[in-house]
Amino acid sequence: MKRKSKKAKKFPERATAAINDRSVLCFQATMMVIVPPIAVRMSKDPNLQKYDLSSVKRLSAGSAPVAENVMRTLVKKLSLSMVGVGRQFSSINLF
């Protein structure tokens, strides 16, 4: 009997930005901390203007480098006062 290979489910492209935006809308968050793939999706999402993200004043993206043009686009779209990009060590040698 042949075993059927399972196809990996593709996560909808719009889902991550929409989920993130809903939580910001619900709690009126003033700061968003996101990962670079979400930053890229949000910068390219034409529907981002539909959400009321006026409470967000600061945005921080971390764990990997983010292109400057992506962050500039988000600053313009969200009217941000502060943007930060940071990276942490994925492994630390204590010796």
N, C-alpha and C. Protein backbone atom coordinates (compact mmCIF):
# COMPACT_ATOMS: atom_id res chain seq x y z
N MET A 1 0.84 -1.17 0.00
CA MET A 1 0.00 0.00 0.00
C MET A 1 0.89 1.25 0.00
N LYS A 2 0.62 2.12 -0.93
CA LYS A 2 1.42 3.34 -1.04
C LYS A 2 0.94 4.36 -0.03
N ARG A 3 1.90 5.02 0.50
CA ARG A 3 1.61 6.06 1.47
C ARG A 3 1.44 7.40 0.76
N LYS A 4 0.39 8.09 1.09
CA LYS A 4 0.16 9.40 0.48
C LYS A 4 1.05 10.43 1.16
N SER A 5 1.71 11.21 0.34
CA SER A 5 2.55 12.27 0.91
C SER A 5 1.68 13.46 1.29
N LYS A 6 1.94 13.96 2.45
CA LYS A 6 1.17 15.12 2.91
C LYS A 6 1.81 16.39 2.38
N LYS A 7 0.99 17.24 1.82
CA LYS A 7 1.48 18.53 1.36
C LYS A 7 1.46 19.51 2.51
N ALA A 8 2.50 20.29 2.57
CA ALA A 8 2.56 21.31 3.62
C ALA A 8 1.49 22.35 3.36
N LYS A 9 0.77 22.70 4.41
CA LYS A 9 -0.26 23.72 4.26
C LYS A 9 0.40 25.08 4.14
N LYS A 10 -0.04 25.82 3.15
CA LYS A 10 0.52 27.15 2.94
C LYS A 10 -0.27 28.15 3.78
N PHE A 11 0.45 28.89 4.58
CA PHE A 11 -0.18 29.90 5.41
C PHE A 11 -0.58 31.08 4.54
N PRO A 12 -1.82 31.55 4.64
CA PRO A 12 -2.26 32.67 3.79
C PRO A 12 -1.39 33.90 3.99
N GLU A 13 -1.02 34.53 2.91
CA GLU A 13 -0.12 35.69 2.98
C GLU A 13 -0.72 36.84 3.78
N ARG A 14 -2.01 37.03 3.66
CA ARG A 14 -2.64 38.16 4.33
C ARG A 14 -2.92 37.88 5.81
N ALA A 15 -2.91 36.62 6.20
CA ALA A 15 -3.34 36.25 7.55
C ALA A 15 -2.46 36.86 8.63
N THR A 16 -1.16 36.81 8.45
CA THR A 16 -0.27 37.27 9.52
C THR A 16 -0.44 38.76 9.79
N ALA A 17 -0.50 39.55 8.74
CA ALA A 17 -0.67 40.99 8.93
C ALA A 17 -2.05 41.29 9.52
N ALA A 18 -3.07 40.58 9.06
CA ALA A 18 -4.42 40.83 9.55
C ALA A 18 -4.56 40.45 11.02
N ILE A 19 -3.97 39.34 11.43
CA ILE A 19 -4.02 38.93 12.84
C ILE A 19 -3.32 39.96 13.70
N ASN A 20 -2.15 40.37 13.25
CA ASN A 20 -1.38 41.36 13.99
C ASN A 20 -2.16 42.67 14.12
N ASP A 21 -2.76 43.10 13.03
CA ASP A 21 -3.51 44.35 13.04
C ASP A 21 -4.72 44.27 13.95
N ARG A 22 -5.40 43.13 13.97
CA ARG A 22 -6.57 42.98 14.83
C ARG A 22 -6.20 43.10 16.30
N SER A 23 -5.08 42.53 16.69
CA SER A 23 -4.67 42.63 18.09
C SER A 23 -4.33 44.07 18.44
N VAL A 24 -3.73 44.79 17.53
CA VAL A 24 -3.43 46.21 17.77
C VAL A 24 -4.72 47.00 17.88
N LEU A 25 -5.68 46.71 17.02
CA LEU A 25 -6.96 47.40 17.07
C LEU A 25 -7.70 47.12 18.37
N CYS A 26 -7.69 45.89 18.78
CA CYS A 26 -8.43 45.47 19.97
C CYS A 26 -7.88 46.11 21.24
N PHE A 27 -6.56 46.15 21.36
CA PHE A 27 -5.93 46.62 22.59
C PHE A 27 -5.36 48.04 22.49
N GLN A 28 -5.48 48.68 21.33
CA GLN A 28 -4.95 50.03 21.12
C GLN A 28 -3.47 50.12 21.52
N ALA A 29 -2.70 49.17 21.06
CA ALA A 29 -1.27 49.11 21.38
C ALA A 29 -0.54 50.32 20.82
N THR A 30 0.44 50.80 21.57
CA THR A 30 1.22 51.94 21.11
C THR A 30 2.54 51.51 20.48
N MET A 31 2.93 50.24 20.71
CA MET A 31 4.18 49.73 20.15
C MET A 31 3.95 48.34 19.56
N MET A 32 4.51 48.12 18.38
CA MET A 32 4.45 46.81 17.74
C MET A 32 5.85 46.25 17.63
N VAL A 33 6.01 45.00 18.02
CA VAL A 33 7.28 44.29 17.86
C VAL A 33 7.01 43.16 16.88
N ILE A 34 7.66 43.22 15.73
CA ILE A 34 7.39 42.25 14.67
C ILE A 34 8.70 41.66 14.15
N VAL A 35 8.58 40.59 13.40
CA VAL A 35 9.73 39.96 12.76
C VAL A 35 9.80 40.46 11.31
N PRO A 36 10.97 40.40 10.70
CA PRO A 36 11.13 40.95 9.35
C PRO A 36 10.14 40.45 8.28
N PRO A 37 9.78 39.16 8.23
CA PRO A 37 8.80 38.76 7.21
C PRO A 37 7.45 39.47 7.35
N ILE A 38 7.04 39.73 8.59
CA ILE A 38 5.79 40.46 8.81
C ILE A 38 5.96 41.92 8.39
N ALA A 39 7.11 42.49 8.64
CA ALA A 39 7.38 43.88 8.23
C ALA A 39 7.29 44.00 6.71
N VAL A 40 7.86 43.04 6.01
CA VAL A 40 7.82 43.06 4.54
C VAL A 40 6.39 42.93 4.04
N ARG A 41 5.63 42.00 4.63
CA ARG A 41 4.23 41.83 4.21
C ARG A 41 3.41 43.07 4.49
N MET A 42 3.62 43.66 5.67
CA MET A 42 2.86 44.87 6.00
C MET A 42 3.22 46.03 5.09
N SER A 43 4.49 46.14 4.71
CA SER A 43 4.90 47.24 3.83
C SER A 43 4.32 47.09 2.42
N LYS A 44 4.08 45.86 2.00
CA LYS A 44 3.54 45.61 0.66
C LYS A 44 2.02 45.49 0.64
N ASP A 45 1.39 45.41 1.80
CA ASP A 45 -0.05 45.17 1.88
C ASP A 45 -0.82 46.45 1.55
N PRO A 46 -1.56 46.46 0.43
CA PRO A 46 -2.33 47.65 0.08
C PRO A 46 -3.53 47.87 1.00
N ASN A 47 -3.96 46.84 1.72
CA ASN A 47 -5.12 46.95 2.60
C ASN A 47 -4.77 47.46 4.00
N LEU A 48 -3.51 47.74 4.25
CA LEU A 48 -3.09 48.20 5.56
C LEU A 48 -3.75 49.52 5.93
N GLN A 49 -4.04 50.35 4.95
CA GLN A 49 -4.66 51.66 5.20
C GLN A 49 -6.10 51.53 5.71
N LYS A 50 -6.72 50.37 5.52
CA LYS A 50 -8.09 50.16 5.97
C LYS A 50 -8.20 50.08 7.48
N TYR A 51 -7.11 49.70 8.14
CA TYR A 51 -7.13 49.53 9.59
C TYR A 51 -6.81 50.85 10.29
N ASP A 52 -7.41 51.05 11.44
CA ASP A 52 -7.10 52.22 12.25
C ASP A 52 -5.93 51.89 13.15
N LEU A 53 -4.74 52.20 12.69
CA LEU A 53 -3.52 51.93 13.46
C LEU A 53 -2.93 53.22 14.02
N SER A 54 -3.79 54.18 14.28
CA SER A 54 -3.33 55.47 14.77
C SER A 54 -2.73 55.39 16.18
N SER A 55 -3.07 54.35 16.93
CA SER A 55 -2.51 54.21 18.28
C SER A 55 -1.04 53.80 18.25
N VAL A 56 -0.59 53.19 17.16
CA VAL A 56 0.79 52.72 17.06
C VAL A 56 1.72 53.91 16.81
N LYS A 57 2.65 54.11 17.73
CA LYS A 57 3.62 55.20 17.61
C LYS A 57 5.03 54.70 17.38
N ARG A 58 5.30 53.46 17.86
CA ARG A 58 6.65 52.89 17.72
C ARG A 58 6.56 51.50 17.11
N LEU A 59 7.54 51.17 16.31
CA LEU A 59 7.62 49.87 15.67
C LEU A 59 9.03 49.35 15.82
N SER A 60 9.14 48.09 16.20
CA SER A 60 10.44 47.47 16.35
C SER A 60 10.43 46.14 15.62
N ALA A 61 11.45 45.91 14.81
CA ALA A 61 11.61 44.65 14.09
C ALA A 61 12.93 44.04 14.50
N GLY A 62 12.94 42.75 14.77
CA GLY A 62 14.17 42.13 15.24
C GLY A 62 14.36 40.72 14.74
N SER A 63 15.43 40.13 15.16
CA SER A 63 15.87 38.75 14.87
C SER A 63 16.59 38.61 13.54
N ALA A 64 16.48 39.57 12.67
CA ALA A 64 17.18 39.54 11.38
C ALA A 64 17.19 40.95 10.81
N PRO A 65 18.09 41.23 9.89
CA PRO A 65 18.12 42.57 9.29
C PRO A 65 16.85 42.86 8.47
N VAL A 66 16.45 44.09 8.47
CA VAL A 66 15.29 44.53 7.68
C VAL A 66 15.77 45.61 6.72
N ALA A 67 15.34 45.52 5.49
CA ALA A 67 15.76 46.51 4.48
C ALA A 67 15.27 47.90 4.87
N GLU A 68 16.10 48.88 4.60
CA GLU A 68 15.77 50.26 4.96
C GLU A 68 14.51 50.74 4.25
N ASN A 69 14.34 50.36 3.00
CA ASN A 69 13.15 50.81 2.25
C ASN A 69 11.87 50.23 2.85
N VAL A 70 11.93 49.03 3.42
CA VAL A 70 10.76 48.43 4.06
C VAL A 70 10.37 49.25 5.28
N MET A 71 11.35 49.61 6.10
CA MET A 71 11.06 50.39 7.30
C MET A 71 10.59 51.80 6.94
N ARG A 72 11.17 52.39 5.91
CA ARG A 72 10.73 53.73 5.48
C ARG A 72 9.27 53.69 5.01
N THR A 73 8.91 52.64 4.29
CA THR A 73 7.53 52.49 3.83
C THR A 73 6.58 52.39 5.01
N LEU A 74 6.95 51.61 6.02
CA LEU A 74 6.10 51.46 7.20
C LEU A 74 5.99 52.77 7.97
N VAL A 75 7.07 53.53 8.04
CA VAL A 75 7.03 54.83 8.73
C VAL A 75 6.02 55.74 8.04
N LYS A 76 6.04 55.76 6.71
CA LYS A 76 5.10 56.60 5.95
C LYS A 76 3.66 56.11 6.10
N LYS A 77 3.46 54.80 5.98
CA LYS A 77 2.11 54.25 6.04
C LYS A 77 1.48 54.40 7.42
N LEU A 78 2.28 54.23 8.47
CA LEU A 78 1.73 54.22 9.83
C LEU A 78 1.97 55.52 10.59
N SER A 79 2.64 56.48 10.00
CA SER A 79 2.97 57.76 10.66
C SER A 79 3.63 57.51 12.02
N LEU A 80 4.73 56.79 11.99
CA LEU A 80 5.41 56.40 13.22
C LEU A 80 6.36 57.49 13.69
N SER A 81 6.53 57.58 15.01
CA SER A 81 7.47 58.54 15.56
C SER A 81 8.82 57.89 15.87
N MET A 82 8.83 56.57 16.04
CA MET A 82 10.08 55.88 16.36
C MET A 82 10.09 54.48 15.74
N VAL A 83 11.22 54.13 15.15
CA VAL A 83 11.39 52.81 14.55
C VAL A 83 12.71 52.25 15.02
N GLY A 84 12.70 50.96 15.34
CA GLY A 84 13.94 50.32 15.77
C GLY A 84 14.12 48.98 15.08
N VAL A 85 15.36 48.66 14.80
CA VAL A 85 15.70 47.37 14.21
C VAL A 85 16.82 46.80 15.05
N GLY A 86 16.61 45.60 15.55
CA GLY A 86 17.63 44.99 16.40
C GLY A 86 17.78 43.51 16.12
N ARG A 87 18.92 42.99 16.53
CA ARG A 87 19.17 41.56 16.39
C ARG A 87 19.72 41.05 17.71
N GLN A 88 19.39 39.80 18.01
CA GLN A 88 19.91 39.17 19.21
C GLN A 88 20.79 38.01 18.82
N PHE A 89 21.58 37.54 19.78
CA PHE A 89 22.41 36.37 19.52
C PHE A 89 21.51 35.14 19.47
N SER A 90 21.73 34.32 18.47
CA SER A 90 20.97 33.07 18.41
C SER A 90 21.61 32.00 19.29
N SER A 91 22.89 32.13 19.52
CA SER A 91 23.58 31.23 20.46
C SER A 91 24.69 32.01 21.14
N ILE A 92 24.85 31.76 22.41
CA ILE A 92 25.86 32.48 23.18
C ILE A 92 26.83 31.47 23.78
N ASN A 93 28.09 31.72 23.61
CA ASN A 93 29.13 30.87 24.19
C ASN A 93 29.55 31.48 25.51
N LEU A 94 29.35 30.73 26.60
CA LEU A 94 29.66 31.25 27.93
C LEU A 94 31.08 30.95 28.37
N PHE A 95 31.85 30.28 27.56
CA PHE A 95 33.22 29.90 27.96
C PHE A 95 34.25 30.85 27.40
